[in-house]
């Protein structure tokens, strides 16, 4: 009986270890005057294009690009790109970012937001993160500027994509430490 209990305890300990090593993560990397950088597991990031005209906008063919981040409180921070884009440009950016997310365990996402603003759960919109569940927005929009993968490939909101990452002195993505 003693051996059986010991084996069960050992098995439970191993399962907990595996679960903690495999769980997704998010960490605030930098905060300064509203500028923020997140180191986030790629499974905590969704990208989306929205037809702004179909959503009540006044310009046919205009699309909005969004990055949704499942934050440390398990609410969704919505990263917006302030300029409108075309359908082709928007879905091209989605494809580039999805490739980075697929090839990286952790990504760096930087932008401007107010983390002191209280969260207000937005139950009218659900976000489904595969393998993690369904979550609601938190009412804290972020103007995103850069998303960078572990291999150095990045996408910026305004300067395109590539490797090395286009340098921006406000968000120095090239100094972000990634753990391999």
N, C-alpha and C. Protein backbone atom coordinates (compact mmCIF):
# COMPACT_ATOMS: atom_id res chain seq x y z
N UNK A 1 0.82 -1.19 0.00
CA UNK A 1 0.00 0.00 0.00
C UNK A 1 0.86 1.26 0.00
N UNK A 2 1.93 1.22 0.80
CA UNK A 2 2.84 2.37 0.89
C UNK A 2 3.47 2.66 -0.47
N UNK A 3 3.88 1.59 -1.17
CA UNK A 3 4.46 1.73 -2.51
C UNK A 3 3.45 2.33 -3.49
N UNK A 4 2.19 1.91 -3.41
CA UNK A 4 1.14 2.41 -4.29
C UNK A 4 0.94 3.92 -4.08
N UNK A 5 0.89 4.37 -2.82
CA UNK A 5 0.73 5.80 -2.52
C UNK A 5 1.93 6.60 -3.02
N UNK A 6 3.12 6.07 -2.85
CA UNK A 6 4.32 6.74 -3.32
C UNK A 6 4.31 6.90 -4.84
N UNK A 7 3.91 5.84 -5.57
CA UNK A 7 3.83 5.90 -7.03
C UNK A 7 2.79 6.93 -7.47
N UNK A 8 1.64 6.97 -6.79
CA UNK A 8 0.60 7.95 -7.13
C UNK A 8 1.08 9.38 -6.91
N UNK A 9 1.77 9.61 -5.79
CA UNK A 9 2.29 10.95 -5.51
C UNK A 9 3.32 11.36 -6.56
N UNK A 10 4.16 10.41 -6.95
CA UNK A 10 5.17 10.69 -7.96
C UNK A 10 4.52 11.00 -9.30
N UNK A 11 3.47 10.26 -9.67
CA UNK A 11 2.78 10.49 -10.93
C UNK A 11 2.09 11.87 -10.93
N UNK A 12 1.45 12.22 -9.84
CA UNK A 12 0.78 13.52 -9.73
C UNK A 12 1.81 14.65 -9.81
N UNK A 13 2.93 14.50 -9.15
CA UNK A 13 3.99 15.51 -9.20
C UNK A 13 4.50 15.68 -10.63
N UNK A 14 4.71 14.59 -11.34
CA UNK A 14 5.18 14.67 -12.74
C UNK A 14 4.16 15.37 -13.62
N UNK A 15 2.88 15.05 -13.45
CA UNK A 15 1.84 15.71 -14.24
C UNK A 15 1.80 17.20 -13.98
N UNK A 16 1.92 17.60 -12.73
CA UNK A 16 1.94 19.03 -12.40
C UNK A 16 3.15 19.72 -13.00
N UNK A 17 4.29 19.06 -12.98
CA UNK A 17 5.50 19.62 -13.58
C UNK A 17 5.32 19.82 -15.08
N UNK A 18 4.80 18.81 -15.76
CA UNK A 18 4.59 18.90 -17.20
C UNK A 18 3.59 20.01 -17.51
N UNK A 19 2.53 20.11 -16.74
CA UNK A 19 1.52 21.13 -16.98
C UNK A 19 2.10 22.52 -16.80
N UNK A 20 2.91 22.73 -15.75
CA UNK A 20 3.47 24.06 -15.51
C UNK A 20 4.48 24.43 -16.58
N UNK A 21 5.21 23.46 -17.12
CA UNK A 21 6.18 23.76 -18.18
C UNK A 21 5.50 24.03 -19.51
N UNK A 22 4.35 23.42 -19.72
CA UNK A 22 3.67 23.54 -21.01
C UNK A 22 2.64 24.65 -21.05
N UNK A 23 2.38 25.29 -19.92
CA UNK A 23 1.31 26.30 -19.90
C UNK A 23 1.75 27.55 -20.65
N UNK A 24 0.76 28.26 -21.17
CA UNK A 24 1.08 29.48 -21.88
C UNK A 24 1.39 30.59 -20.88
N UNK A 25 2.07 31.63 -21.35
CA UNK A 25 2.50 32.67 -20.44
C UNK A 25 2.38 34.04 -21.06
N UNK A 26 2.40 35.03 -20.20
CA UNK A 26 2.43 36.41 -20.63
C UNK A 26 3.20 37.19 -19.57
N UNK A 27 4.01 38.13 -20.02
CA UNK A 27 4.81 38.93 -19.09
C UNK A 27 4.91 40.34 -19.65
N UNK A 28 4.67 41.32 -18.80
CA UNK A 28 4.86 42.70 -19.22
C UNK A 28 6.36 42.96 -19.21
N UNK A 29 6.90 43.30 -20.37
CA UNK A 29 8.34 43.46 -20.51
C UNK A 29 8.80 44.87 -20.15
N UNK A 30 8.03 45.86 -20.53
CA UNK A 30 8.43 47.24 -20.23
C UNK A 30 7.20 48.11 -20.10
N UNK A 31 7.28 49.06 -19.20
CA UNK A 31 6.21 50.05 -19.09
C UNK A 31 6.89 51.40 -18.90
N UNK A 32 6.49 52.37 -19.73
CA UNK A 32 7.02 53.72 -19.60
C UNK A 32 6.10 54.68 -20.31
N UNK A 33 5.46 55.56 -19.57
CA UNK A 33 4.58 56.59 -20.15
C UNK A 33 3.56 56.02 -21.14
N UNK A 34 2.92 54.95 -20.78
CA UNK A 34 1.90 54.35 -21.65
C UNK A 34 2.46 53.39 -22.67
N UNK A 35 3.78 53.39 -22.86
CA UNK A 35 4.39 52.43 -23.79
C UNK A 35 4.54 51.09 -23.08
N UNK A 36 4.15 50.04 -23.76
CA UNK A 36 4.18 48.72 -23.14
C UNK A 36 4.70 47.68 -24.11
N UNK A 37 5.41 46.73 -23.58
CA UNK A 37 5.86 45.59 -24.36
C UNK A 37 5.44 44.32 -23.64
N UNK A 38 4.84 43.42 -24.36
CA UNK A 38 4.44 42.13 -23.80
C UNK A 38 5.31 41.04 -24.39
N UNK A 39 5.81 40.15 -23.55
CA UNK A 39 6.35 38.87 -24.01
C UNK A 39 5.21 37.90 -23.77
N UNK A 40 4.74 37.27 -24.82
CA UNK A 40 3.53 36.48 -24.72
C UNK A 40 3.65 35.19 -25.53
N UNK A 41 3.13 34.10 -24.97
CA UNK A 41 3.08 32.84 -25.71
C UNK A 41 2.24 33.05 -26.95
N UNK A 42 2.67 32.48 -28.05
CA UNK A 42 1.96 32.69 -29.31
C UNK A 42 0.53 32.16 -29.29
N UNK A 43 0.23 31.22 -28.38
CA UNK A 43 -1.14 30.72 -28.29
C UNK A 43 -2.09 31.72 -27.63
N UNK A 44 -1.56 32.80 -27.07
CA UNK A 44 -2.37 33.84 -26.43
C UNK A 44 -2.61 35.03 -27.37
N UNK A 45 -2.36 34.83 -28.68
CA UNK A 45 -2.50 35.92 -29.65
C UNK A 45 -3.41 35.47 -30.80
N UNK A 46 -4.36 36.32 -31.14
CA UNK A 46 -5.23 36.13 -32.31
C UNK A 46 -5.10 37.35 -33.20
N UNK A 47 -5.23 37.16 -34.50
CA UNK A 47 -5.24 38.30 -35.43
C UNK A 47 -6.53 38.26 -36.24
N UNK A 48 -7.00 39.44 -36.65
CA UNK A 48 -8.30 39.52 -37.31
C UNK A 48 -8.35 40.73 -38.24
N UNK A 49 -9.07 40.56 -39.33
CA UNK A 49 -9.42 41.66 -40.21
C UNK A 49 -10.93 41.87 -40.10
N UNK A 50 -11.34 43.12 -40.02
CA UNK A 50 -12.76 43.43 -39.94
C UNK A 50 -13.15 44.35 -41.09
N UNK A 51 -14.20 44.02 -41.78
CA UNK A 51 -14.75 44.86 -42.84
C UNK A 51 -15.43 46.05 -42.17
N UNK A 52 -14.78 47.19 -42.19
CA UNK A 52 -15.30 48.36 -41.48
C UNK A 52 -16.56 48.91 -42.13
N UNK A 53 -16.68 48.78 -43.44
CA UNK A 53 -17.89 49.27 -44.12
C UNK A 53 -19.09 48.43 -43.70
N UNK A 54 -18.92 47.11 -43.64
CA UNK A 54 -20.01 46.23 -43.22
C UNK A 54 -20.37 46.46 -41.75
N UNK A 55 -19.42 47.00 -40.97
CA UNK A 55 -19.67 47.27 -39.55
C UNK A 55 -20.18 48.69 -39.32
N UNK A 56 -20.60 49.37 -40.40
CA UNK A 56 -21.17 50.72 -40.25
C UNK A 56 -20.26 51.84 -40.69
N UNK A 57 -19.09 51.52 -41.25
CA UNK A 57 -18.17 52.56 -41.71
C UNK A 57 -18.68 53.23 -42.98
N UNK A 58 -18.02 54.32 -43.35
CA UNK A 58 -18.49 55.09 -44.51
C UNK A 58 -17.65 54.89 -45.76
N UNK A 59 -16.60 54.05 -45.71
CA UNK A 59 -15.75 53.83 -46.88
C UNK A 59 -15.80 52.38 -47.34
N UNK A 60 -16.44 52.10 -48.47
CA UNK A 60 -16.46 50.72 -48.98
C UNK A 60 -15.03 50.22 -49.21
N UNK A 61 -14.78 48.97 -48.86
CA UNK A 61 -13.46 48.38 -49.09
C UNK A 61 -12.45 48.68 -48.00
N UNK A 62 -12.84 49.37 -46.93
CA UNK A 62 -11.88 49.66 -45.86
C UNK A 62 -11.95 48.57 -44.79
N UNK A 63 -10.77 48.16 -44.34
CA UNK A 63 -10.66 47.10 -43.34
C UNK A 63 -9.85 47.58 -42.16
N UNK A 64 -10.17 47.04 -40.99
CA UNK A 64 -9.40 47.30 -39.78
C UNK A 64 -8.65 46.05 -39.38
N UNK A 65 -7.42 46.22 -38.92
CA UNK A 65 -6.58 45.10 -38.50
C UNK A 65 -6.48 45.10 -36.98
N UNK A 66 -6.64 43.93 -36.37
CA UNK A 66 -6.61 43.80 -34.92
C UNK A 66 -5.71 42.66 -34.47
N UNK A 67 -5.03 42.88 -33.35
CA UNK A 67 -4.30 41.82 -32.65
C UNK A 67 -4.98 41.70 -31.29
N UNK A 68 -5.47 40.52 -30.96
CA UNK A 68 -6.12 40.27 -29.67
C UNK A 68 -5.15 39.48 -28.80
N UNK A 69 -4.90 39.99 -27.58
CA UNK A 69 -3.94 39.37 -26.67
C UNK A 69 -4.67 38.93 -25.40
N UNK A 70 -4.55 37.67 -25.06
CA UNK A 70 -5.10 37.17 -23.80
C UNK A 70 -4.12 37.57 -22.70
N UNK A 71 -4.54 38.53 -21.87
CA UNK A 71 -3.60 39.12 -20.91
C UNK A 71 -3.46 38.30 -19.63
N UNK A 72 -2.70 38.84 -18.68
CA UNK A 72 -2.38 38.13 -17.44
C UNK A 72 -3.60 37.89 -16.55
N UNK A 73 -4.70 38.63 -16.76
CA UNK A 73 -5.93 38.44 -15.99
C UNK A 73 -6.95 37.60 -16.77
N UNK A 74 -6.50 37.00 -17.87
CA UNK A 74 -7.35 36.20 -18.75
C UNK A 74 -8.54 37.01 -19.29
N UNK A 75 -8.25 38.26 -19.64
CA UNK A 75 -9.17 39.09 -20.40
C UNK A 75 -8.45 39.47 -21.68
N UNK A 76 -9.18 39.98 -22.67
CA UNK A 76 -8.58 40.22 -23.97
C UNK A 76 -8.29 41.70 -24.17
N UNK A 77 -7.01 41.99 -24.41
CA UNK A 77 -6.54 43.33 -24.76
C UNK A 77 -6.59 43.42 -26.28
N UNK A 78 -7.28 44.41 -26.82
CA UNK A 78 -7.43 44.55 -28.27
C UNK A 78 -6.41 45.54 -28.82
N UNK A 79 -5.48 45.01 -29.59
CA UNK A 79 -4.50 45.85 -30.27
C UNK A 79 -5.07 46.31 -31.60
N UNK A 80 -5.17 47.61 -31.77
CA UNK A 80 -5.74 48.17 -32.99
C UNK A 80 -4.66 48.85 -33.81
N UNK A 81 -4.89 48.93 -35.11
CA UNK A 81 -4.03 49.70 -36.00
C UNK A 81 -4.88 50.87 -36.44
N UNK A 82 -4.43 52.08 -36.15
CA UNK A 82 -5.28 53.25 -36.33
C UNK A 82 -5.57 53.59 -37.79
N UNK A 83 -4.74 53.14 -38.71
CA UNK A 83 -5.03 53.44 -40.11
C UNK A 83 -5.87 52.33 -40.72
N UNK A 84 -6.78 52.72 -41.58
CA UNK A 84 -7.58 51.73 -42.29
C UNK A 84 -6.76 51.17 -43.45
N UNK A 85 -7.08 49.96 -43.84
CA UNK A 85 -6.32 49.30 -44.89
C UNK A 85 -7.29 48.63 -45.86
N UNK A 86 -6.74 48.07 -46.92
CA UNK A 86 -7.58 47.34 -47.88
C UNK A 86 -7.69 45.89 -47.43
N UNK A 87 -8.63 45.18 -48.01
CA UNK A 87 -8.81 43.77 -47.69
C UNK A 87 -7.54 42.99 -47.98
N UNK A 88 -6.93 43.22 -49.14
CA UNK A 88 -5.72 42.50 -49.53
C UNK A 88 -4.57 42.77 -48.54
N UNK A 89 -4.35 44.06 -48.19
CA UNK A 89 -3.27 44.40 -47.26
C UNK A 89 -3.53 43.80 -45.88
N UNK A 90 -4.78 43.85 -45.44
CA UNK A 90 -5.12 43.34 -44.11
C UNK A 90 -4.87 41.84 -44.02
N UNK A 91 -5.38 41.08 -44.98
CA UNK A 91 -5.20 39.63 -44.93
C UNK A 91 -3.76 39.21 -45.19
N UNK A 92 -3.00 40.03 -45.90
CA UNK A 92 -1.58 39.78 -46.07
C UNK A 92 -0.87 39.88 -44.71
N UNK A 93 -1.23 40.92 -43.94
CA UNK A 93 -0.63 41.10 -42.61
C UNK A 93 -1.03 39.95 -41.68
N UNK A 94 -2.28 39.50 -41.77
CA UNK A 94 -2.73 38.35 -40.97
C UNK A 94 -1.87 37.13 -41.29
N UNK A 95 -1.64 36.87 -42.58
CA UNK A 95 -0.83 35.73 -42.98
C UNK A 95 0.60 35.80 -42.46
N UNK A 96 1.20 36.98 -42.53
CA UNK A 96 2.58 37.17 -42.05
C UNK A 96 2.64 36.92 -40.55
N UNK A 97 1.69 37.47 -39.81
CA UNK A 97 1.70 37.31 -38.36
C UNK A 97 1.38 35.87 -37.97
N UNK A 98 0.46 35.23 -38.66
CA UNK A 98 0.16 33.83 -38.35
C UNK A 98 1.40 32.94 -38.56
N UNK A 99 2.20 33.26 -39.56
CA UNK A 99 3.44 32.51 -39.79
C UNK A 99 4.41 32.72 -38.62
N UNK A 100 4.55 33.97 -38.17
CA UNK A 100 5.42 34.25 -37.03
C UNK A 100 4.92 33.51 -35.79
N UNK A 101 3.60 33.54 -35.56
CA UNK A 101 3.03 32.87 -34.39
C UNK A 101 3.25 31.37 -34.44
N UNK A 102 3.16 30.79 -35.63
CA UNK A 102 3.35 29.35 -35.80
C UNK A 102 4.80 28.94 -35.54
N UNK A 103 5.74 29.82 -35.93
CA UNK A 103 7.16 29.48 -35.83
C UNK A 103 7.79 29.90 -34.50
N UNK A 104 7.07 30.65 -33.66
CA UNK A 104 7.63 31.14 -32.39
C UNK A 104 6.78 30.65 -31.22
N UNK A 105 7.45 30.25 -30.16
CA UNK A 105 6.73 29.90 -28.94
C UNK A 105 6.31 31.18 -28.20
N UNK A 106 7.16 32.19 -28.28
CA UNK A 106 6.92 33.46 -27.61
C UNK A 106 7.12 34.59 -28.60
N UNK A 107 6.28 35.61 -28.53
CA UNK A 107 6.42 36.79 -29.37
C UNK A 107 6.45 38.03 -28.49
N UNK A 108 6.98 39.10 -29.05
CA UNK A 108 7.00 40.40 -28.40
C UNK A 108 6.00 41.29 -29.12
N UNK A 109 5.10 41.90 -28.37
CA UNK A 109 4.12 42.83 -28.94
C UNK A 109 4.22 44.12 -28.16
N UNK A 110 4.41 45.24 -28.87
CA UNK A 110 4.55 46.53 -28.19
C UNK A 110 3.55 47.53 -28.75
N UNK A 111 3.16 48.44 -27.89
CA UNK A 111 2.23 49.48 -28.28
C UNK A 111 2.02 50.48 -27.17
N UNK A 112 0.92 51.21 -27.26
CA UNK A 112 0.60 52.23 -26.26
C UNK A 112 -0.78 51.93 -25.69
N UNK A 113 -0.88 51.89 -24.38
CA UNK A 113 -2.16 51.68 -23.70
C UNK A 113 -2.06 52.22 -22.28
N UNK A 114 -3.17 52.23 -21.59
CA UNK A 114 -3.21 52.68 -20.21
C UNK A 114 -3.57 51.49 -19.32
N UNK A 115 -2.57 50.92 -18.67
CA UNK A 115 -2.81 49.77 -17.81
C UNK A 115 -3.43 50.17 -16.48
N UNK A 116 -3.49 51.47 -16.19
CA UNK A 116 -4.13 51.94 -14.97
C UNK A 116 -5.65 52.04 -15.13
N UNK A 117 -6.10 52.01 -16.37
CA UNK A 117 -7.54 52.05 -16.63
C UNK A 117 -8.15 50.74 -16.11
N UNK A 118 -9.20 50.84 -15.30
CA UNK A 118 -9.82 49.61 -14.79
C UNK A 118 -10.38 48.75 -15.93
N UNK A 119 -10.27 47.44 -15.77
CA UNK A 119 -10.85 46.53 -16.75
C UNK A 119 -12.37 46.62 -16.67
N UNK A 120 -13.01 46.64 -17.83
CA UNK A 120 -14.47 46.54 -17.88
C UNK A 120 -14.79 45.41 -18.84
N UNK A 121 -15.29 44.32 -18.32
CA UNK A 121 -15.52 43.11 -19.11
C UNK A 121 -16.59 43.39 -20.16
N UNK A 122 -16.25 43.14 -21.41
CA UNK A 122 -17.13 43.37 -22.56
C UNK A 122 -17.76 42.05 -22.97
N UNK A 123 -18.91 41.74 -22.41
CA UNK A 123 -19.51 40.44 -22.66
C UNK A 123 -20.22 40.34 -24.00
N UNK A 124 -20.27 41.43 -24.75
CA UNK A 124 -20.92 41.38 -26.06
C UNK A 124 -20.00 40.79 -27.13
N UNK A 125 -18.73 40.59 -26.84
CA UNK A 125 -17.79 40.06 -27.81
C UNK A 125 -16.93 38.99 -27.16
N UNK A 126 -16.94 37.80 -27.74
CA UNK A 126 -16.15 36.68 -27.23
C UNK A 126 -14.98 36.42 -28.17
N UNK A 127 -13.88 36.01 -27.60
CA UNK A 127 -12.69 35.66 -28.37
C UNK A 127 -12.32 34.22 -28.01
N UNK A 128 -12.19 33.37 -29.02
CA UNK A 128 -11.89 31.97 -28.80
C UNK A 128 -10.41 31.73 -29.11
N UNK A 129 -9.66 31.36 -28.08
CA UNK A 129 -8.25 31.02 -28.23
C UNK A 129 -8.16 29.50 -28.22
N UNK A 130 -7.77 28.89 -29.37
CA UNK A 130 -7.71 27.44 -29.44
C UNK A 130 -6.86 26.85 -28.30
N UNK A 131 -7.33 25.80 -27.72
CA UNK A 131 -6.68 25.08 -26.62
C UNK A 131 -6.66 25.84 -25.29
N UNK A 132 -7.16 27.09 -25.27
CA UNK A 132 -7.17 27.86 -24.02
C UNK A 132 -8.58 28.19 -23.56
N UNK A 133 -9.51 28.42 -24.50
CA UNK A 133 -10.88 28.71 -24.11
C UNK A 133 -11.41 30.00 -24.71
N UNK A 134 -12.56 30.42 -24.19
CA UNK A 134 -13.26 31.61 -24.67
C UNK A 134 -13.18 32.69 -23.61
N UNK A 135 -12.82 33.91 -24.04
CA UNK A 135 -12.62 35.02 -23.11
C UNK A 135 -13.26 36.29 -23.65
N UNK A 136 -13.46 37.26 -22.75
CA UNK A 136 -14.08 38.54 -23.11
C UNK A 136 -13.04 39.65 -23.14
N UNK A 137 -13.37 40.71 -23.89
CA UNK A 137 -12.52 41.89 -23.93
C UNK A 137 -12.48 42.59 -22.58
N UNK A 138 -11.46 43.44 -22.38
CA UNK A 138 -11.32 44.11 -21.10
C UNK A 138 -11.49 45.63 -21.17
N UNK A 139 -11.87 46.17 -22.32
CA UNK A 139 -12.10 47.60 -22.43
C UNK A 139 -10.83 48.44 -22.43
N UNK A 140 -9.68 47.81 -22.63
CA UNK A 140 -8.40 48.53 -22.67
C UNK A 140 -7.80 48.38 -24.07
N UNK A 141 -8.12 49.26 -24.98
CA UNK A 141 -7.51 49.14 -26.31
C UNK A 141 -6.03 49.52 -26.27
N UNK A 142 -5.27 48.90 -27.16
CA UNK A 142 -3.84 49.23 -27.28
C UNK A 142 -3.56 49.59 -28.74
N UNK A 143 -2.92 50.71 -28.96
CA UNK A 143 -2.43 51.05 -30.29
C UNK A 143 -1.14 50.25 -30.47
N UNK A 144 -1.17 49.18 -31.26
CA UNK A 144 0.02 48.34 -31.40
C UNK A 144 0.96 48.92 -32.45
N UNK A 145 2.25 48.67 -32.25
CA UNK A 145 3.27 49.17 -33.17
C UNK A 145 4.14 48.07 -33.76
N UNK A 146 4.46 47.04 -32.96
CA UNK A 146 5.38 46.02 -33.45
C UNK A 146 5.04 44.66 -32.85
N UNK A 147 5.18 43.61 -33.67
CA UNK A 147 5.10 42.22 -33.23
C UNK A 147 6.35 41.55 -33.77
N UNK A 148 7.12 40.91 -32.88
CA UNK A 148 8.38 40.30 -33.29
C UNK A 148 8.44 38.85 -32.82
N UNK A 149 8.88 37.95 -33.71
CA UNK A 149 9.05 36.55 -33.38
C UNK A 149 10.43 36.26 -32.84
N UNK A 150 10.63 35.04 -32.37
CA UNK A 150 11.90 34.64 -31.76
C UNK A 150 13.06 34.67 -32.75
N UNK A 151 12.78 34.50 -34.04
CA UNK A 151 13.87 34.49 -35.02
C UNK A 151 14.22 35.89 -35.52
N UNK A 152 13.56 36.92 -34.98
CA UNK A 152 13.86 38.30 -35.38
C UNK A 152 12.93 38.86 -36.42
N UNK A 153 12.10 38.02 -37.05
CA UNK A 153 11.14 38.50 -38.04
C UNK A 153 10.07 39.30 -37.32
N UNK A 154 9.70 40.42 -37.92
CA UNK A 154 8.68 41.22 -37.25
C UNK A 154 7.76 41.89 -38.25
N UNK A 155 6.66 42.39 -37.71
CA UNK A 155 5.68 43.16 -38.46
C UNK A 155 5.45 44.44 -37.66
N UNK A 156 5.45 45.57 -38.34
CA UNK A 156 5.12 46.81 -37.67
C UNK A 156 3.80 47.33 -38.21
N UNK A 157 3.14 48.14 -37.44
CA UNK A 157 1.84 48.67 -37.85
C UNK A 157 1.96 49.58 -39.07
N UNK A 158 3.09 50.25 -39.21
CA UNK A 158 3.20 51.27 -40.26
C UNK A 158 4.34 51.07 -41.24
N UNK A 159 5.38 50.32 -40.85
CA UNK A 159 6.57 50.23 -41.70
C UNK A 159 6.74 48.90 -42.40
N UNK A 160 5.74 48.04 -42.38
CA UNK A 160 5.85 46.76 -43.07
C UNK A 160 6.43 45.68 -42.19
N UNK A 161 7.10 44.72 -42.83
CA UNK A 161 7.62 43.58 -42.11
C UNK A 161 8.99 43.24 -42.64
N UNK A 162 9.64 42.32 -41.96
CA UNK A 162 10.93 41.86 -42.44
C UNK A 162 11.86 41.44 -41.34
N UNK A 163 13.09 41.24 -41.74
CA UNK A 163 14.15 40.84 -40.83
C UNK A 163 15.43 41.44 -41.39
N UNK A 164 16.17 42.23 -40.68
CA UNK A 164 15.92 42.61 -39.30
C UNK A 164 14.71 43.53 -39.16
N UNK A 165 14.23 43.60 -37.94
CA UNK A 165 13.04 44.38 -37.65
C UNK A 165 13.32 45.87 -37.90
N UNK A 166 12.42 46.58 -38.61
CA UNK A 166 12.62 48.02 -38.77
C UNK A 166 12.76 48.67 -37.39
N UNK A 167 13.80 49.45 -37.22
CA UNK A 167 14.10 50.01 -35.91
C UNK A 167 13.18 51.17 -35.57
N UNK A 168 12.73 51.19 -34.34
CA UNK A 168 11.92 52.28 -33.84
C UNK A 168 12.43 52.61 -32.44
N UNK A 169 12.97 53.81 -32.23
CA UNK A 169 13.56 54.12 -30.93
C UNK A 169 12.54 54.09 -29.78
N UNK A 170 11.26 54.16 -30.09
CA UNK A 170 10.26 54.12 -29.03
C UNK A 170 10.07 52.71 -28.52
N UNK A 171 10.13 51.72 -29.40
CA UNK A 171 9.94 50.31 -29.04
C UNK A 171 11.12 49.50 -29.57
N UNK A 172 12.21 49.44 -28.83
CA UNK A 172 13.40 48.74 -29.33
C UNK A 172 13.26 47.23 -29.26
N UNK A 173 12.53 46.67 -30.21
CA UNK A 173 12.25 45.23 -30.22
C UNK A 173 13.52 44.39 -30.31
N UNK A 174 14.59 44.95 -30.88
CA UNK A 174 15.80 44.17 -31.04
C UNK A 174 16.49 43.88 -29.71
N UNK A 175 16.08 44.52 -28.62
CA UNK A 175 16.70 44.26 -27.32
C UNK A 175 15.90 43.30 -26.46
N UNK A 176 14.81 42.76 -26.99
CA UNK A 176 13.95 41.89 -26.19
C UNK A 176 14.58 40.52 -25.99
N UNK A 177 14.67 40.08 -24.73
CA UNK A 177 15.25 38.74 -24.48
C UNK A 177 14.21 37.65 -24.70
N UNK A 178 14.52 36.67 -25.53
CA UNK A 178 13.65 35.52 -25.71
C UNK A 178 14.33 34.32 -25.10
N UNK A 179 13.54 33.48 -24.47
CA UNK A 179 14.10 32.25 -23.92
C UNK A 179 13.80 31.14 -24.93
N UNK A 180 14.79 30.44 -25.32
CA UNK A 180 14.65 29.36 -26.32
C UNK A 180 14.29 28.07 -25.66
